Amino acid sequence: MSDLVPRSQLTKQAVSGAAGVGGGIALFILRAVAAAGFLPGAIVGGIIALAGLVIGSSKEDRTPGWIVFGAGLATVVGSIPGIGGAVRWLLPVAGIGLLIMGAVQLFRFFRNLRKRA
């Protein structure tokens, strides 16, 4: 018989999995926005970068804030004609990584949740 998994670990796995899947989907959407042109990419990327700075203002949310800021900055740079293509490929690659990480965390969450039942 396996050990009972603590509730805090289950919560962490569920939140991490949902954030990973949501973040991966968001990066695919940001890739499409960056490919739409400079103006939409600069506006949306700037708003997201600003939101990342706001999120990162608290000490416990500093790392997620910097990640959101980086995604916004990558969207702005990816929308610049000429040099944007070199950065634009990074968004779906990071999105795939986040989707995989989120799926693994959700798998662990559901496996551990089943152990509690």
PDB file of N, CA and C in Angstrom:
ATOM      1  N   MET A   1       0.841  -1.176   0.000  1.00  0.00           N
ATOM      2  CA  MET A   1       0.000   0.000   0.000  1.00  0.00           C
ATOM      3  C   MET A   1       0.886   1.239   0.000  1.00  0.00           C
ATOM      4  N   SER A   2       0.541   2.201  -0.796  1.00  0.00           N
ATOM      5  CA  SER A   2       1.351   3.411  -0.895  1.00  0.00           C
ATOM      6  C   SER A   2       0.969   4.406   0.203  1.00  0.00           C
ATOM      7  N   ASP A   3       1.870   5.332   0.444  1.00  0.00           N
ATOM      8  CA  ASP A   3       1.654   6.329   1.489  1.00  0.00           C
ATOM      9  C   ASP A   3       0.631   7.362   1.046  1.00  0.00           C
ATOM     10  N   LEU A   4       0.026   7.985   2.017  1.00  0.00           N
ATOM     11  CA  LEU A   4      -0.925   9.055   1.767  1.00  0.00           C
ATOM     12  C   LEU A   4      -0.157  10.322   1.365  1.00  0.00           C
ATOM     13  N   VAL A   5      -0.568  10.932   0.282  1.00  0.00           N
ATOM     14  CA  VAL A   5       0.110  12.130  -0.223  1.00  0.00           C
ATOM     15  C   VAL A   5      -0.466  13.345   0.496  1.00  0.00           C
ATOM     16  N   PRO A   6       0.393  14.243   1.007  1.00  0.00           N
ATOM     17  CA  PRO A   6      -0.107  15.418   1.709  1.00  0.00           C
ATOM     18  C   PRO A   6      -0.919  16.340   0.798  1.00  0.00           C
ATOM     19  N   ARG A   7      -1.889  16.986   1.395  1.00  0.00           N
ATOM     20  CA  ARG A   7      -2.763  17.881   0.637  1.00  0.00           C
ATOM     21  C   ARG A   7      -1.995  19.045   0.020  1.00  0.00           C
ATOM     22  N   SER A   8      -0.990  19.545   0.710  1.00  0.00           N
ATOM     23  CA  SER A   8      -0.205  20.665   0.176  1.00  0.00           C
ATOM     24  C   SER A   8       0.525  20.259  -1.098  1.00  0.00           C
ATOM     25  N   GLN A   9       1.017  19.029  -1.147  1.00  0.00           N
ATOM     26  CA  GLN A   9       1.685  18.552  -2.353  1.00  0.00           C
ATOM     27  C   GLN A   9       0.685  18.397  -3.494  1.00  0.00           C
ATOM     28  N   LEU A  10      -0.506  17.902  -3.199  1.00  0.00           N
ATOM     29  CA  LEU A  10      -1.549  17.784  -4.224  1.00  0.00           C
ATOM     30  C   LEU A  10      -1.927  19.156  -4.779  1.00  0.00           C
ATOM     31  N   THR A  11      -2.078  20.119  -3.895  1.00  0.00           N
ATOM     32  CA  THR A  11      -2.432  21.473  -4.323  1.00  0.00           C
ATOM     33  C   THR A  11      -1.345  22.058  -5.206  1.00  0.00           C
ATOM     34  N   LYS A  12      -0.097  21.872  -4.811  1.00  0.00           N
ATOM     35  CA  LYS A  12       1.026  22.393  -5.597  1.00  0.00           C
ATOM     36  C   LYS A  12       1.072  21.749  -6.975  1.00  0.00           C
ATOM     37  N   GLN A  13       0.834  20.450  -7.057  1.00  0.00           N
ATOM     38  CA  GLN A  13       0.840  19.767  -8.345  1.00  0.00           C
ATOM     39  C   GLN A  13      -0.306  20.232  -9.232  1.00  0.00           C
ATOM     40  N   ALA A  14      -1.481  20.427  -8.657  1.00  0.00           N
ATOM     41  CA  ALA A  14      -2.631  20.866  -9.447  1.00  0.00           C
ATOM     42  C   ALA A  14      -2.423  22.279  -9.985  1.00  0.00           C
ATOM     43  N   VAL A  15      -1.956  23.178  -9.143  1.00  0.00           N
ATOM     44  CA  VAL A  15      -1.735  24.560  -9.574  1.00  0.00           C
ATOM     45  C   VAL A  15      -0.625  24.624 -10.609  1.00  0.00           C
ATOM     46  N   SER A  16       0.449  23.898 -10.379  1.00  0.00           N
ATOM     47  CA  SER A  16       1.569  23.883 -11.324  1.00  0.00           C
ATOM     48  C   SER A  16       1.140  23.295 -12.667  1.00  0.00           C
ATOM     49  N   GLY A  17       0.359  22.241 -12.641  1.00  0.00           N
ATOM     50  CA  GLY A  17      -0.117  21.632 -13.880  1.00  0.00           C
ATOM     51  C   GLY A  17      -1.048  22.544 -14.659  1.00  0.00           C
ATOM     52  N   ALA A  18      -1.984  23.161 -13.966  1.00  0.00           N
ATOM     53  CA  ALA A  18      -2.919  24.066 -14.642  1.00  0.00           C
ATOM     54  C   ALA A  18      -2.193  25.290 -15.187  1.00  0.00           C
ATOM     55  N   ALA A  19      -1.245  25.827 -14.425  1.00  0.00           N
ATOM     56  CA  ALA A  19      -0.489  26.987 -14.895  1.00  0.00           C
ATOM     57  C   ALA A  19       0.395  26.626 -16.077  1.00  0.00           C
ATOM     58  N   GLY A  20       0.971  25.439 -16.067  1.00  0.00           N
ATOM     59  CA  GLY A  20       1.801  25.006 -17.181  1.00  0.00           C
ATOM     60  C   GLY A  20       1.019  24.852 -18.469  1.00  0.00           C
ATOM     61  N   VAL A  21      -0.128  24.204 -18.385  1.00  0.00           N
ATOM     62  CA  VAL A  21      -0.957  24.028 -19.579  1.00  0.00           C
ATOM     63  C   VAL A  21      -1.492  25.376 -20.060  1.00  0.00           C
ATOM     64  N   GLY A  22      -1.971  26.199 -19.142  1.00  0.00           N
ATOM     65  CA  GLY A  22      -2.467  27.529 -19.517  1.00  0.00           C
ATOM     66  C   GLY A  22      -1.376  28.411 -20.097  1.00  0.00           C
ATOM     67  N   GLY A  23      -0.187  28.364 -19.497  1.00  0.00           N
ATOM     68  CA  GLY A  23       0.930  29.158 -20.003  1.00  0.00           C
ATOM     69  C   GLY A  23       1.387  28.691 -21.367  1.00  0.00           C
ATOM     70  N   GLY A  24       1.388  27.391 -21.602  1.00  0.00           N
ATOM     71  CA  GLY A  24       1.758  26.865 -22.918  1.00  0.00           C
ATOM     72  C   GLY A  24       0.798  27.319 -24.002  1.00  0.00           C
ATOM     73  N   ILE A  25      -0.485  27.267 -23.698  1.00  0.00           N
ATOM     74  CA  ILE A  25      -1.492  27.731 -24.662  1.00  0.00           C
ATOM     75  C   ILE A  25      -1.342  29.232 -24.890  1.00  0.00           C
ATOM     76  N   ALA A  26      -1.076  29.974 -23.829  1.00  0.00           N
ATOM     77  CA  ALA A  26      -0.894  31.425 -23.953  1.00  0.00           C
ATOM     78  C   ALA A  26       0.308  31.763 -24.830  1.00  0.00           C
ATOM     79  N   LEU A  27       1.391  30.988 -24.734  1.00  0.00           N
ATOM     80  CA  LEU A  27       2.553  31.262 -25.575  1.00  0.00           C
ATOM     81  C   LEU A  27       2.268  30.986 -27.045  1.00  0.00           C
ATOM     82  N   PHE A  28       1.441  29.989 -27.334  1.00  0.00           N
ATOM     83  CA  PHE A  28       1.046  29.767 -28.723  1.00  0.00           C
ATOM     84  C   PHE A  28       0.208  30.935 -29.249  1.00  0.00           C
ATOM     85  N   ILE A  29      -0.656  31.468 -28.403  1.00  0.00           N
ATOM     86  CA  ILE A  29      -1.456  32.631 -28.796  1.00  0.00           C
ATOM     87  C   ILE A  29      -0.557  33.853 -28.986  1.00  0.00           C
ATOM     88  N   LEU A  30       0.417  34.040 -28.103  1.00  0.00           N
ATOM     89  CA  LEU A  30       1.344  35.170 -28.234  1.00  0.00           C
ATOM     90  C   LEU A  30       2.179  35.052 -29.497  1.00  0.00           C
ATOM     91  N   ARG A  31       2.503  33.843 -29.916  1.00  0.00           N
ATOM     92  CA  ARG A  31       3.235  33.640 -31.168  1.00  0.00           C
ATOM     93  C   ARG A  31       2.402  34.135 -32.340  1.00  0.00           C
ATOM     94  N   ALA A  32       1.111  33.849 -32.315  1.00  0.00           N
ATOM     95  CA  ALA A  32       0.230  34.310 -33.387  1.00  0.00           C
ATOM     96  C   ALA A  32       0.098  35.832 -33.367  1.00  0.00           C
ATOM     97  N   VAL A  33       0.050  36.420 -32.179  1.00  0.00           N
ATOM     98  CA  VAL A  33      -0.038  37.880 -32.075  1.00  0.00           C
ATOM     99  C   VAL A  33       1.241  38.527 -32.594  1.00  0.00           C
ATOM    100  N   ALA A  34       2.390  37.950 -32.264  1.00  0.00           N
ATOM    101  CA  ALA A  34       3.661  38.501 -32.728  1.00  0.00           C
ATOM    102  C   ALA A  34       3.783  38.401 -34.245  1.00  0.00           C
ATOM    103  N   ALA A  35       3.213  37.343 -34.826  1.00  0.00           N
ATOM    104  CA  ALA A  35       3.268  37.177 -36.275  1.00  0.00           C
ATOM    105  C   ALA A  35       2.280  38.089 -36.992  1.00  0.00           C
ATOM    106  N   ALA A  36       1.302  38.638 -36.274  1.00  0.00           N
ATOM    107  CA  ALA A  36       0.284  39.487 -36.898  1.00  0.00           C
ATOM    108  C   ALA A  36       0.828  40.832 -37.332  1.00  0.00           C
ATOM    109  N   GLY A  37       1.918  41.266 -36.759  1.00  0.00           N
ATOM    110  CA  GLY A  37       2.498  42.546 -37.134  1.00  0.00           C
ATOM    111  C   GLY A  37       3.072  43.267 -35.934  1.00  0.00           C
ATOM    112  N   PHE A  38       3.734  44.378 -36.218  1.00  0.00           N
ATOM    113  CA  PHE A  38       4.424  45.086 -35.149  1.00  0.00           C
ATOM    114  C   PHE A  38       3.460  45.733 -34.165  1.00  0.00           C
ATOM    115  N   LEU A  39       2.443  46.428 -34.662  1.00  0.00           N
ATOM    116  CA  LEU A  39       1.552  47.158 -33.762  1.00  0.00           C
ATOM    117  C   LEU A  39       0.802  46.237 -32.803  1.00  0.00           C
ATOM    118  N   PRO A  40       0.132  45.176 -33.288  1.00  0.00           N
ATOM    119  CA  PRO A  40      -0.546  44.295 -32.318  1.00  0.00           C
ATOM    120  C   PRO A  40       0.437  43.600 -31.370  1.00  0.00           C
ATOM    121  N   GLY A  41       1.585  43.192 -31.901  1.00  0.00           N
ATOM    122  CA  GLY A  41       2.574  42.522 -31.061  1.00  0.00           C
ATOM    123  C   GLY A  41       3.145  43.438 -29.999  1.00  0.00           C
ATOM    124  N   ALA A  42       3.391  44.697 -30.383  1.00  0.00           N
ATOM    125  CA  ALA A  42       3.948  45.650 -29.421  1.00  0.00           C
ATOM    126  C   ALA A  42       2.931  46.006 -28.341  1.00  0.00           C
ATOM    127  N   ILE A  43       1.679  46.159 -28.724  1.00  0.00           N
ATOM    128  CA  ILE A  43       0.647  46.523 -27.748  1.00  0.00           C
ATOM    129  C   ILE A  43       0.411  45.373 -26.766  1.00  0.00           C
ATOM    130  N   VAL A  44       0.136  44.189 -27.306  1.00  0.00           N
ATOM    131  CA  VAL A  44      -0.164  43.040 -26.438  1.00  0.00           C
ATOM    132  C   VAL A  44       1.070  42.649 -25.618  1.00  0.00           C
ATOM    133  N   GLY A  45       2.237  42.610 -26.269  1.00  0.00           N
ATOM    134  CA  GLY A  45       3.458  42.266 -25.554  1.00  0.00           C
ATOM    135  C   GLY A  45       3.795  43.271 -24.467  1.00  0.00           C
ATOM    136  N   GLY A  46       3.566  44.553 -24.742  1.00  0.00           N
ATOM    137  CA  GLY A  46       3.818  45.574 -23.734  1.00  0.00           C
ATOM    138  C   GLY A  46       2.901  45.448 -22.538  1.00  0.00           C
ATOM    139  N   ILE A  47       1.636  45.151 -22.800  1.00  0.00           N
ATOM    140  CA  ILE A  47       0.680  44.968 -21.702  1.00  0.00           C
ATOM    141  C   ILE A  47       1.071  43.759 -20.853  1.00  0.00           C
ATOM    142  N   ILE A  48       1.472  42.678 -21.514  1.00  0.00           N
ATOM    143  CA  ILE A  48       1.855  41.476 -20.775  1.00  0.00           C
ATOM    144  C   ILE A  48       3.145  41.707 -19.992  1.00  0.00           C
ATOM    145  N   ALA A  49       4.101  42.417 -20.585  1.00  0.00           N
ATOM    146  CA  ALA A  49       5.345  42.722 -19.874  1.00  0.00           C
ATOM    147  C   ALA A  49       5.064  43.597 -18.654  1.00  0.00           C
ATOM    148  N   LEU A  50       4.188  44.566 -18.803  1.00  0.00           N
ATOM    149  CA  LEU A  50       3.818  45.415 -17.672  1.00  0.00           C
ATOM    150  C   LEU A  50       3.120  44.606 -16.581  1.00  0.00           C
ATOM    151  N   ALA A  51       2.241  43.680 -16.996  1.00  0.00           N
ATOM    152  CA  ALA A  51       1.576  42.812 -16.021  1.00  0.00           C
ATOM    153  C   ALA A  51       2.596  41.943 -15.293  1.00  0.00           C
ATOM    154  N   GLY A  52       3.630  41.501 -16.002  1.00  0.00           N
ATOM    155  CA  GLY A  52       4.680  40.718 -15.361  1.00  0.00           C
ATOM    156  C   GLY A  52       5.431  41.510 -14.308  1.00  0.00           C
ATOM    157  N   LEU A  53       5.661  42.792 -14.583  1.00  0.00           N
ATOM    158  CA  LEU A  53       6.322  43.632 -13.589  1.00  0.00           C
ATOM    159  C   LEU A  53       5.439  43.833 -12.362  1.00  0.00           C
ATOM    160  N   VAL A  54       4.139  43.959 -12.579  1.00  0.00           N
ATOM    161  CA  VAL A  54       3.214  44.116 -11.455  1.00  0.00           C
ATOM    162  C   VAL A  54       3.153  42.824 -10.639  1.00  0.00           C
ATOM    163  N   ILE A  55       3.078  41.692 -11.332  1.00  0.00           N
ATOM    164  CA  ILE A  55       3.030  40.402 -10.629  1.00  0.00           C
ATOM    165  C   ILE A  55       4.311  40.187  -9.830  1.00  0.00           C
ATOM    166  N   GLY A  56       5.443  40.548 -10.414  1.00  0.00           N
ATOM    167  CA  GLY A  56       6.724  40.328  -9.762  1.00  0.00           C
ATOM    168  C   GLY A  56       7.055  41.302  -8.657  1.00  0.00           C
ATOM    169  N   SER A  57       6.162  42.232  -8.373  1.00  0.00           N
ATOM    170  CA  SER A  57       6.452  43.206  -7.324  1.00  0.00           C
ATOM    171  C   SER A  57       6.397  42.604  -5.922  1.00  0.00           C
ATOM    172  N   SER A  58       5.633  41.526  -5.754  1.00  0.00           N
ATOM    173  CA  SER A  58       5.615  40.870  -4.444  1.00  0.00           C
ATOM    174  C   SER A  58       6.718  39.813  -4.386  1.00  0.00           C
ATOM    175  N   LYS A  59       7.260  39.602  -3.223  1.00  0.00           N
ATOM    176  CA  LYS A  59       8.426  38.736  -3.070  1.00  0.00           C
ATOM    177  C   LYS A  59       8.137  37.282  -3.438  1.00  0.00           C
ATOM    178  N   GLU A  60       6.987  36.755  -3.040  1.00  0.00           N
ATOM    179  CA  GLU A  60       6.696  35.347  -3.307  1.00  0.00           C
ATOM    180  C   GLU A  60       6.328  35.079  -4.768  1.00  0.00           C
ATOM    181  N   ASP A  61       5.933  36.104  -5.513  1.00  0.00           N
ATOM    182  CA  ASP A  61       5.570  35.930  -6.917  1.00  0.00           C
ATOM    183  C   ASP A  61       6.619  36.505  -7.869  1.00  0.00           C
ATOM    184  N   ARG A  62       7.834  36.654  -7.409  1.00  0.00           N
ATOM    185  CA  ARG A  62       8.872  37.267  -8.237  1.00  0.00           C
ATOM    186  C   ARG A  62       9.207  36.416  -9.456  1.00  0.00           C
ATOM    187  N   THR A  63       9.377  35.107  -9.283  1.00  0.00           N
ATOM    188  CA  THR A  63       9.734  34.238 -10.414  1.00  0.00           C
ATOM    189  C   THR A  63       8.629  34.180 -11.461  1.00  0.00           C
ATOM    190  N   PRO A  64       7.366  33.942 -11.089  1.00  0.00           N
ATOM    191  CA  PRO A  64       6.324  33.977 -12.120  1.00  0.00           C
ATOM    192  C   PRO A  64       6.209  35.345 -12.800  1.00  0.00           C
ATOM    193  N   GLY A  65       6.443  36.405 -12.056  1.00  0.00           N
ATOM    194  CA  GLY A  65       6.403  37.740 -12.645  1.00  0.00           C
ATOM    195  C   GLY A  65       7.458  37.927 -13.716  1.00  0.00           C
ATOM    196  N   TRP A  66       8.671  37.449 -13.445  1.00  0.00           N
ATOM    197  CA  TRP A  66       9.729  37.555 -14.446  1.00  0.00           C
ATOM    198  C   TRP A  66       9.448  36.679 -15.655  1.00  0.00           C
ATOM    199  N   ILE A  67       8.818  35.544 -15.463  1.00  0.00           N
ATOM    200  CA  ILE A  67       8.465  34.679 -16.587  1.00  0.00           C
ATOM    201  C   ILE A  67       7.435  35.365 -17.470  1.00  0.00           C
ATOM    202  N   VAL A  68       6.423  35.980 -16.867  1.00  0.00           N
ATOM    203  CA  VAL A  68       5.406  36.703 -17.637  1.00  0.00           C
ATOM    204  C   VAL A  68       6.040  37.908 -18.335  1.00  0.00           C
ATOM    205  N   PHE A  69       6.924  38.614 -17.648  1.00  0.00           N
ATOM    206  CA  PHE A  69       7.629  39.744 -18.260  1.00  0.00           C
ATOM    207  C   PHE A  69       8.438  39.283 -19.477  1.00  0.00           C
ATOM    208  N   GLY A  70       9.128  38.151 -19.349  1.00  0.00           N
ATOM    209  CA  GLY A  70       9.907  37.619 -20.467  1.00  0.00           C
ATOM    210  C   GLY A  70       9.048  37.228 -21.654  1.00  0.00           C
ATOM    211  N   ALA A  71       7.868  36.669 -21.387  1.00  0.00           N
ATOM    212  CA  ALA A  71       6.958  36.315 -22.480  1.00  0.00           C
ATOM    213  C   ALA A  71       6.458  37.564 -23.194  1.00  0.00           C
ATOM    214  N   GLY A  72       6.152  38.611 -22.439  1.00  0.00           N
ATOM    215  CA  GLY A  72       5.730  39.868 -23.061  1.00  0.00           C
ATOM    216  C   GLY A  72       6.838  40.503 -23.866  1.00  0.00           C
ATOM    217  N   LEU A  73       8.044  40.493 -23.328  1.00  0.00           N
ATOM    218  CA  LEU A  73       9.182  41.062 -24.043  1.00  0.00           C
ATOM    219  C   LEU A  73       9.495  40.264 -25.310  1.00  0.00           C
ATOM    220  N   ALA A  74       9.395  38.939 -25.235  1.00  0.00           N
ATOM    221  CA  ALA A  74       9.608  38.108 -26.417  1.00  0.00           C
ATOM    222  C   ALA A  74       8.545  38.377 -27.477  1.00  0.00           C
ATOM    223  N   THR A  75       7.335  38.686 -27.069  1.00  0.00           N
ATOM    224  CA  THR A  75       6.281  39.021 -28.028  1.00  0.00           C
ATOM    225  C   THR A  75       6.586  40.338 -28.714  1.00  0.00           C
ATOM    226  N   VAL A  76       7.032  41.324 -27.955  1.00  0.00           N
ATOM    227  CA  VAL A  76       7.373  42.618 -28.552  1.00  0.00           C
ATOM    228  C   VAL A  76       8.531  42.461 -29.534  1.00  0.00           C
ATOM    229  N   VAL A  77       9.587  41.802 -29.113  1.00  0.00           N
ATOM    230  CA  VAL A  77      10.751  41.627 -29.991  1.00  0.00           C
ATOM    231  C   VAL A  77      10.396  40.741 -31.177  1.00  0.00           C
ATOM    232  N   GLY A  78       9.565  39.733 -30.965  1.00  0.00           N
ATOM    233  CA  GLY A  78       9.150  38.844 -32.051  1.00  0.00           C
ATOM    234  C   GLY A  78       8.295  39.525 -33.094  1.00  0.00           C
ATOM    235  N   SER A  79       7.691  40.648 -32.757  1.00  0.00           N
ATOM    236  CA  SER A  79       6.846  41.345 -33.728  1.00  0.00           C
ATOM    237  C   SER A  79       7.621  42.363 -34.553  1.00  0.00           C
ATOM    238  N   ILE A  80       8.885  42.608 -34.226  1.00  0.00           N
ATOM    239  CA  ILE A  80       9.695  43.564 -34.986  1.00  0.00           C
ATOM    240  C   ILE A  80      10.045  42.952 -36.336  1.00  0.00           C
ATOM    241  N   PRO A  81       9.741  43.645 -37.426  1.00  0.00           N
ATOM    242  CA  PRO A  81      10.056  43.099 -38.753  1.00  0.00           C
ATOM    243  C   PRO A  81      11.567  42.921 -38.928  1.00  0.00           C
ATOM    244  N   GLY A  82      11.945  41.843 -39.553  1.00  0.00           N
ATOM    245  CA  GLY A  82      13.350  41.574 -39.821  1.00  0.00           C
ATOM    246  C   GLY A  82      14.007  40.730 -38.758  1.00  0.00           C
ATOM    247  N   ILE A  83      14.102  41.222 -37.542  1.00  0.00           N
ATOM    248  CA  ILE A  83      14.783  40.474 -36.483  1.00  0.00           C
ATOM    249  C   ILE A  83      13.821  39.651 -35.635  1.00  0.00           C
ATOM    250  N   GLY A  84      12.530  39.854 -35.837  1.00  0.00           N
ATOM    251  CA  GLY A  84      11.541  39.160 -35.012  1.00  0.00           C
ATOM    252  C   GLY A  84      11.484  37.667 -35.243  1.00  0.00           C
ATOM    253  N   GLY A  85      11.795  37.230 -36.462  1.00  0.00           N
ATOM    254  CA  GLY A  85      11.725  35.804 -36.755  1.00  0.00           C
ATOM    255  C   GLY A  85      12.704  34.989 -35.945  1.00  0.00           C
ATOM    256  N   ALA A  86      13.836  35.591 -35.589  1.00  0.00           N
ATOM    257  CA  ALA A  86      14.832  34.878 -34.794  1.00  0.00           C
ATOM    258  C   ALA A  86      14.331  34.624 -33.377  1.00  0.00           C
ATOM    259  N   VAL A  87      13.457  35.486 -32.879  1.00  0.00           N
ATOM    260  CA  VAL A  87      12.921  35.328 -31.526  1.00  0.00           C
ATOM    261  C   VAL A  87      11.567  34.618 -31.551  1.00  0.00           C
ATOM    262  N   ARG A  88      10.821  34.803 -32.630  1.00  0.00           N
ATOM    263  CA  ARG A  88       9.454  34.281 -32.709  1.00  0.00           C
ATOM    264  C   ARG A  88       9.393  32.762 -32.599  1.00  0.00           C
ATOM    265  N   TRP A  89      10.429  32.055 -33.014  1.00  0.00           N
ATOM    266  CA  TRP A  89      10.417  30.596 -32.928  1.00  0.00           C
ATOM    267  C   TRP A  89      10.515  30.122 -31.477  1.00  0.00           C
ATOM    268  N   LEU A  90      11.012  30.985 -30.604  1.00  0.00           N
ATOM    269  CA  LEU A  90      11.191  30.608 -29.207  1.00  0.00           C
ATOM    270  C   LEU A  90       9.853  30.455 -28.468  1.00  0.00           C
ATOM    271  N   LEU A  91       8.854  31.220 -28.865  1.00  0.00           N
ATOM    272  CA  LEU A  91       7.561  31.175 -28.166  1.00  0.00           C
ATOM    273  C   LEU A  91       6.892  29.801 -28.256  1.00  0.00           C
ATOM    274  N   PRO A  92       6.750  29.190 -29.454  1.00  0.00           N
ATOM    275  CA  PRO A  92       6.129  27.858 -29.459  1.00  0.00           C
ATOM    276  C   PRO A  92       6.999  26.773 -28.831  1.00  0.00           C
ATOM    277  N   VAL A  93       8.318  26.922 -28.899  1.00  0.00           N
ATOM    278  CA  VAL A  93       9.195  25.942 -28.251  1.00  0.00           C
ATOM    279  C   VAL A  93       8.983  25.985 -26.739  1.00  0.00           C
ATOM    280  N   ALA A  94       8.941  27.179 -26.175  1.00  0.00           N
ATOM    281  CA  ALA A  94       8.673  27.316 -24.744  1.00  0.00           C
ATOM    282  C   ALA A  94       7.257  26.851 -24.413  1.00  0.00           C
ATOM    283  N   GLY A  95       6.308  27.102 -25.328  1.00  0.00           N
ATOM    284  CA  GLY A  95       4.938  26.648 -25.123  1.00  0.00           C
ATOM    285  C   GLY A  95       4.841  25.133 -25.055  1.00  0.00           C
ATOM    286  N   ILE A  96       5.577  24.451 -25.916  1.00  0.00           N
ATOM    287  CA  ILE A  96       5.587  22.987 -25.887  1.00  0.00           C
ATOM    288  C   ILE A  96       6.179  22.497 -24.569  1.00  0.00           C
ATOM    289  N   GLY A  97       7.253  23.131 -24.135  1.00  0.00           N
ATOM    290  CA  GLY A  97       7.853  22.754 -22.857  1.00  0.00           C
ATOM    291  C   GLY A  97       6.896  22.938 -21.690  1.00  0.00           C
ATOM    292  N   LEU A  98       6.177  24.060 -21.689  1.00  0.00           N
ATOM    293  CA  LEU A  98       5.210  24.295 -20.609  1.00  0.00           C
ATOM    294  C   LEU A  98       4.046  23.306 -20.664  1.00  0.00           C
ATOM    295  N   LEU A  99       3.585  22.982 -21.871  1.00  0.00           N
ATOM    296  CA  LEU A  99       2.505  21.995 -21.990  1.00  0.00           C
ATOM    297  C   LEU A  99       2.934  20.634 -21.465  1.00  0.00           C
ATOM    298  N   ILE A 100       4.151  20.227 -21.789  1.00  0.00           N
ATOM    299  CA  ILE A 100       4.650  18.937 -21.304  1.00  0.00           C
ATOM    300  C   ILE A 100       4.785  18.957 -19.790  1.00  0.00           C
ATOM    301  N   MET A 101       5.378  20.025 -19.256  1.00  0.00           N
ATOM    302  CA  MET A 101       5.538  20.135 -17.807  1.00  0.00           C
ATOM    303  C   MET A 101       4.176  20.133 -17.106  1.00  0.00           C
ATOM    304  N   GLY A 102       3.218  20.873 -17.655  1.00  0.00           N
ATOM    305  CA  GLY A 102       1.894  20.911 -17.068  1.00  0.00           C
ATOM    306  C   GLY A 102       1.190  19.572 -17.117  1.00  0.00           C
ATOM    307  N   ALA A 103       1.352  18.858 -18.234  1.00  0.00           N
ATOM    308  CA  ALA A 103       0.725  17.543 -18.360  1.00  0.00           C
ATOM    309  C   ALA A 103       1.324  16.549 -17.368  1.00  0.00           C
ATOM    310  N   VAL A 104       2.630  16.608 -17.179  1.00  0.00           N
ATOM    311  CA  VAL A 104       3.276  15.713 -16.212  1.00  0.00           C
ATOM    312  C   VAL A 104       2.785  16.025 -14.800  1.00  0.00           C
ATOM    313  N   GLN A 105       2.693  17.305 -14.450  1.00  0.00           N
ATOM    314  CA  GLN A 105       2.218  17.673 -13.108  1.00  0.00           C
ATOM    315  C   GLN A 105       0.757  17.260 -12.901  1.00  0.00           C
ATOM    316  N   LEU A 106      -0.071  17.415 -13.930  1.00  0.00           N
ATOM    317  CA  LEU A 106      -1.468  16.990 -13.797  1.00  0.00           C
ATOM    318  C   LEU A 106      -1.574  15.474 -13.681  1.00  0.00           C
ATOM    319  N   PHE A 107      -0.724  14.759 -14.418  1.00  0.00           N
ATOM    320  CA  PHE A 107      -0.701  13.299 -14.290  1.00  0.00           C
ATOM    321  C   PHE A 107      -0.339  12.893 -12.865  1.00  0.00           C
ATOM    322  N   ARG A 108       0.698  13.537 -12.315  1.00  0.00           N
ATOM    323  CA  ARG A 108       1.095  13.241 -10.937  1.00  0.00           C
ATOM    324  C   ARG A 108      -0.021  13.589  -9.947  1.00  0.00           C
ATOM    325  N   PHE A 109      -0.691  14.712 -10.207  1.00  0.00           N
ATOM    326  CA  PHE A 109      -1.798  15.118  -9.337  1.00  0.00           C
ATOM    327  C   PHE A 109      -2.897  14.065  -9.326  1.00  0.00           C
ATOM    328  N   PHE A 110      -3.338  13.626 -10.511  1.00  0.00           N
ATOM    329  CA  PHE A 110      -4.429  12.654 -10.560  1.00  0.00           C
ATOM    330  C   PHE A 110      -4.002  11.296 -10.013  1.00  0.00           C
ATOM    331  N   ARG A 111      -2.743  10.913 -10.233  1.00  0.00           N
ATOM    332  CA  ARG A 111      -2.248   9.651  -9.675  1.00  0.00           C
ATOM    333  C   ARG A 111      -2.235   9.721  -8.144  1.00  0.00           C
ATOM    334  N   ASN A 112      -1.749  10.820  -7.601  1.00  0.00           N
ATOM    335  CA  ASN A 112      -1.709  10.970  -6.139  1.00  0.00           C
ATOM    336  C   ASN A 112      -3.097  11.172  -5.547  1.00  0.00           C
ATOM    337  N   LEU A 113      -3.992  11.803  -6.299  1.00  0.00           N
ATOM    338  CA  LEU A 113      -5.359  11.973  -5.827  1.00  0.00           C
ATOM    339  C   LEU A 113      -6.052  10.612  -5.703  1.00  0.00           C
ATOM    340  N   ARG A 114      -5.769   9.746  -6.650  1.00  0.00           N
ATOM    341  CA  ARG A 114      -6.337   8.394  -6.607  1.00  0.00           C
ATOM    342  C   ARG A 114      -5.817   7.619  -5.404  1.00  0.00           C
ATOM    343  N   LYS A 115      -4.572   7.876  -4.998  1.00  0.00           N
ATOM    344  CA  LYS A 115      -4.017   7.210  -3.818  1.00  0.00           C
ATOM    345  C   LYS A 115      -4.738   7.627  -2.552  1.00  0.00           C
ATOM    346  N   ARG A 116      -5.254   8.848  -2.530  1.00  0.00           N
ATOM    347  CA  ARG A 116      -5.965   9.360  -1.340  1.00  0.00           C
ATOM    348  C   ARG A 116      -7.362   8.778  -1.219  1.00  0.00           C
ATOM    349  N   ALA A 117      -7.924   8.347  -2.324  1.00  0.00           N
ATOM    350  CA  ALA A 117      -9.311   7.848  -2.294  1.00  0.00           C
ATOM    351  C   ALA A 117      -9.428   6.472  -1.700  1.00  0.00           C
TER     352      ALA A 117
END
